[in-house]
Protein backbone atom coordinates (compact mmCIF):
# COMPACT_ATOMS: atom_id res chain seq x y z
CA MET A 1 15.59 -0.30 -18.88
CA ASN A 2 17.98 -3.23 -19.17
CA MET A 3 19.15 -4.48 -15.80
CA SER A 4 20.15 -7.60 -13.96
CA VAL A 5 17.39 -9.63 -12.38
CA ILE A 6 16.30 -8.89 -8.80
CA ASN A 7 14.13 -11.57 -7.19
CA ILE A 8 11.80 -10.44 -4.41
CA VAL A 9 9.75 -12.91 -2.36
CA MET A 10 6.98 -11.68 -0.07
CA VAL A 11 5.39 -13.80 2.64
CA ALA A 12 2.39 -13.00 4.79
CA VAL A 13 -0.66 -14.33 6.55
CA GLY A 14 -3.92 -14.01 4.62
CA GLY A 15 -5.57 -10.66 5.26
CA GLN A 16 -2.30 -8.70 5.60
CA GLY A 17 -2.52 -7.09 2.17
CA ASN A 18 -0.03 -9.14 0.19
CA LEU A 19 -1.99 -8.59 -3.02
CA LEU A 20 -1.99 -4.82 -2.52
CA ALA A 21 1.76 -4.88 -1.91
CA LEU A 22 2.21 -6.78 -5.19
CA LYS A 23 0.15 -4.20 -7.07
CA ILE A 24 2.13 -1.32 -5.58
CA LEU A 25 5.51 -2.86 -6.42
CA GLY A 26 4.38 -3.72 -9.93
CA GLU A 27 3.04 -0.24 -10.54
CA ALA A 28 6.22 1.34 -9.10
CA ALA A 29 8.26 -0.71 -11.56
CA LEU A 30 6.10 0.47 -14.46
CA GLN A 31 6.42 4.06 -13.26
CA SER A 32 10.22 3.60 -13.25
CA GLY A 33 10.42 1.93 -16.66
CA VAL A 34 11.62 -1.34 -15.11
CA LYS A 35 10.56 -4.70 -16.51
CA VAL A 36 8.55 -6.63 -13.95
CA HIS A 37 6.97 -10.07 -13.53
CA ILE A 38 4.51 -10.66 -10.70
CA SER A 39 3.48 -14.07 -9.42
CA GLU A 40 0.07 -15.28 -8.48
CA ILE A 41 -0.47 -15.59 -4.77
CA HIS A 42 0.37 -19.08 -3.52
CA GLY A 43 -1.14 -20.63 -0.43
CA LEU A 44 -4.29 -19.98 1.56
CA ALA A 45 -5.10 -16.39 0.69
CA GLN A 46 -8.13 -16.32 2.98
CA ARG A 47 -7.69 -14.62 6.33
CA GLY A 48 -5.28 -16.60 8.51
CA GLY A 49 -3.79 -18.68 5.71
CA ILE A 50 -0.18 -18.68 4.57
CA VAL A 51 0.56 -16.52 1.51
CA GLU A 52 3.74 -16.42 -0.60
CA SER A 53 4.22 -14.40 -3.76
CA SER A 54 7.05 -12.92 -5.78
CA VAL A 55 8.08 -9.93 -7.84
CA VAL A 56 10.95 -10.24 -10.32
CA LEU A 57 12.51 -7.03 -11.62
CA GLY A 58 14.66 -6.91 -14.74
CA ASP A 59 15.24 -9.10 -17.76
CA ALA A 60 13.63 -12.31 -16.55
CA ARG A 61 11.21 -14.64 -18.29
CA SER A 62 8.94 -15.44 -15.36
CA ALA A 63 8.10 -14.54 -11.78
CA VAL A 64 9.09 -17.95 -10.43
CA VAL A 65 11.79 -17.64 -7.74
CA PRO A 66 13.43 -21.00 -7.03
CA ASP A 67 14.80 -21.91 -3.62
CA GLY A 68 18.06 -20.13 -2.89
CA ARG A 69 17.47 -17.38 -5.48
CA ALA A 70 15.61 -14.62 -3.60
CA ASP A 71 17.64 -11.43 -3.41
CA VAL A 72 15.08 -9.91 -1.06
CA LEU A 73 12.70 -11.63 1.35
CA LEU A 74 9.98 -9.33 2.71
CA GLY A 75 8.13 -10.84 5.65
CA MET A 76 4.87 -9.39 6.92
CA GLU A 77 4.86 -11.96 9.73
CA PRO A 78 7.97 -13.21 11.62
CA LEU A 79 7.20 -16.94 11.56
CA GLU A 80 6.42 -16.84 7.85
CA THR A 81 9.73 -15.05 7.30
CA LEU A 82 11.45 -17.91 9.08
CA ARG A 83 9.59 -20.54 7.08
CA ALA A 84 10.62 -18.90 3.80
CA LEU A 85 14.36 -18.77 4.49
CA GLY A 86 14.93 -21.57 1.99
CA LYS A 87 14.27 -19.01 -0.73
CA CYS A 88 17.31 -16.98 0.37
CA HIS A 89 21.02 -17.16 -0.43
CA SER A 90 23.99 -15.98 1.62
CA ASN A 91 23.70 -12.37 0.43
CA SER A 92 19.93 -12.00 0.52
CA LEU A 93 18.37 -9.03 2.29
CA VAL A 94 15.65 -10.04 4.74
CA ILE A 95 13.19 -7.38 5.89
CA THR A 96 10.63 -8.48 8.46
CA THR A 97 8.22 -7.03 10.94
CA THR A 98 8.71 -7.87 14.60
CA SER A 99 4.94 -7.98 15.09
CA PRO A 100 3.60 -11.55 15.23
CA LEU A 101 0.25 -12.55 13.77
CA GLU A 102 -0.22 -16.23 14.42
CA PRO A 103 -0.63 -18.17 11.16
CA TYR A 104 -3.21 -20.89 10.77
CA ALA A 105 -0.67 -23.65 11.41
CA VAL A 106 0.13 -22.17 14.83
CA SER A 107 -3.47 -21.45 15.77
CA VAL A 108 -4.46 -25.08 15.20
CA GLY A 109 -1.42 -26.41 17.04
CA HIS A 110 0.51 -27.79 14.06
CA SER A 111 3.59 -25.69 14.80
CA ALA A 112 5.05 -23.66 17.66
CA TYR A 113 5.73 -19.95 17.53
CA PRO A 114 9.42 -18.97 17.80
CA SER A 115 10.73 -15.99 19.75
CA LEU A 116 11.98 -12.98 17.83
CA GLU A 117 15.49 -13.85 18.98
CA GLU A 118 15.10 -17.29 17.43
CA VAL A 119 13.91 -15.68 14.20
CA ARG A 120 16.86 -13.29 14.22
CA SER A 121 19.37 -16.05 14.93
CA ALA A 122 17.99 -18.33 12.20
CA VAL A 123 18.03 -15.56 9.59
CA LEU A 124 21.61 -14.57 10.46
CA LYS A 125 22.73 -18.15 9.95
CA LYS A 126 21.43 -17.90 6.39
CA THR A 127 22.39 -14.31 5.53
CA LYS A 128 23.99 -11.41 7.38
CA ARG A 129 21.62 -8.83 5.91
CA LEU A 130 18.60 -8.43 8.17
CA VAL A 131 16.30 -5.52 8.94
CA MET A 132 13.71 -5.99 11.69
CA ILE A 133 11.14 -3.25 12.13
CA ASP A 134 8.09 -2.85 14.37
CA ALA A 135 5.81 -2.29 11.40
CA LEU A 136 2.64 -2.66 13.45
CA SER A 137 3.52 0.28 15.71
CA LEU A 138 4.20 2.44 12.66
CA ALA A 139 0.96 1.27 11.00
CA LEU A 140 -0.95 2.23 14.14
CA GLU A 141 0.78 5.62 14.08
CA ALA A 142 -0.41 6.01 10.49
CA GLY A 143 -3.95 5.25 11.60
CA ASN A 144 -4.66 1.63 10.68
CA PRO A 145 -3.03 -1.64 11.83
CA LYS A 146 -3.67 -3.12 8.38
CA ALA A 147 -1.11 -0.72 6.88
CA VAL A 148 1.78 -2.98 7.95
CA ASN A 149 2.21 -3.88 4.27
CA THR A 150 2.82 -0.30 3.15
CA VAL A 151 5.12 0.38 6.11
CA LEU A 152 7.25 -2.55 4.98
CA LEU A 153 7.16 -1.40 1.36
CA GLY A 154 8.53 1.94 2.49
CA LYS A 155 11.38 0.17 4.25
CA LEU A 156 11.93 -2.05 1.20
CA ILE A 157 12.26 0.92 -1.16
CA LYS A 158 14.64 2.66 1.27
CA THR A 159 16.97 -0.24 2.06
CA ALA A 160 16.92 -2.77 -0.78
CA SER A 161 18.84 -0.83 -3.46
CA LEU A 162 16.05 -1.43 -5.97
CA PRO A 163 15.78 0.55 -9.23
CA LEU A 164 12.56 2.03 -7.84
CA THR A 165 12.46 5.55 -6.45
CA TYR A 166 10.57 7.00 -3.52
CA GLN A 167 8.58 9.12 -5.96
CA SER A 168 7.60 6.21 -8.23
CA ALA A 169 6.54 4.10 -5.25
CA ARG A 170 4.42 6.89 -3.82
CA LYS A 171 2.73 7.34 -7.21
CA ALA A 172 2.07 3.60 -7.21
CA VAL A 173 0.46 3.80 -3.76
CA ARG A 174 -1.80 6.57 -5.06
CA LYS A 175 -2.84 4.43 -8.03
CA ALA A 176 -3.32 1.12 -6.19
CA VAL A 177 -4.98 2.14 -2.91
CA ARG A 178 -8.66 2.97 -2.52
CA LYS A 179 -9.32 6.66 -2.01
CA ASN A 180 -10.71 6.25 1.50
CA MET A 181 -7.50 4.51 2.61
CA LEU A 182 -5.03 6.56 0.58
CA GLU A 183 -3.79 9.03 3.18
CA VAL A 184 -3.30 6.30 5.78
CA ASN A 185 -1.24 4.24 3.36
CA LEU A 186 0.82 7.19 2.14
CA THR A 187 1.61 8.02 5.76
CA ALA A 188 2.45 4.40 6.51
CA PHE A 189 4.75 4.24 3.48
CA ASP A 190 6.54 7.39 4.60
CA LEU A 191 6.91 6.12 8.17
CA GLY A 192 8.54 2.95 6.85
CA TYR A 193 10.74 4.83 4.41
CA PHE A 194 11.95 7.49 6.80
CA ASP A 195 12.07 5.36 9.96
CA ASP A 196 15.60 5.45 11.35
CA GLN A 197 14.90 3.37 14.42
CA HIS A 198 14.92 -0.04 12.69
CA ARG A 199 17.40 -2.61 13.89
CA GLN A 200 19.73 -3.69 11.13
CA LYS A 201 21.67 -6.81 12.05
CA THR A 202 24.98 -7.27 10.28
CA GLY A 203 26.44 -9.94 12.50
CA THR A 204 29.50 -7.78 13.16
C-alpha cells in the first residue's frame, strides 16, 4: 500500500510495556499491508527509566522522527508526554493517560511533577488535538494495571485515523501477547477502543 508517511512517537516509563506496544503496532501494519519502520527503544528501558520509541507508517526510509515531525504522540505517562512535546507540530494528535507513574528523574528529585491541568495546558499551546484518558482505570477493569499500553493502543486505533483497522490490531494483539495474558490485553484493547468517556480537548 502506497501512502503518505505517518510518524508516531511513543513515550513511557520503563516497565510500562513500550516494547510490546511497538510489536503490536508493527504487526498490525503488516496485517494491513502497510509499510512500517520501528525504532529501537531509546532511554533507560529498565523499570523506572525514561523510554521513547517510534513507529513510522508509509513510504519512509527510516523510523527516525525528528523534532516537530510527530503526527501522533502516544504517552503512557503524563510527564513523559509533556517532555516529548518538542516532537509535535501544530496539528499533531496527542493521546495520553491521566494516570501518573513517577519517572526516575522525579523520584530522585531532579524534576517536579506537573498537575494534569498543567499538562493539558502545555499540550494545547503546542497543538489543539488532545485526548486524555484514564487508562489505568480501564486496565484495572480489564484485570491488570500493566495493560495501560493496550488500552492506549485501542484509543490510538480508534482516534488517530491510521490505516490500521480494529480487526488487524486485534490480530496483532493475539500474535504479540503471551497466551496467559492474552484475554486481559484483548479486553484492555477493547476498553480503550470503545471507551466514549475520554476527554477530547479541542480548545474551542
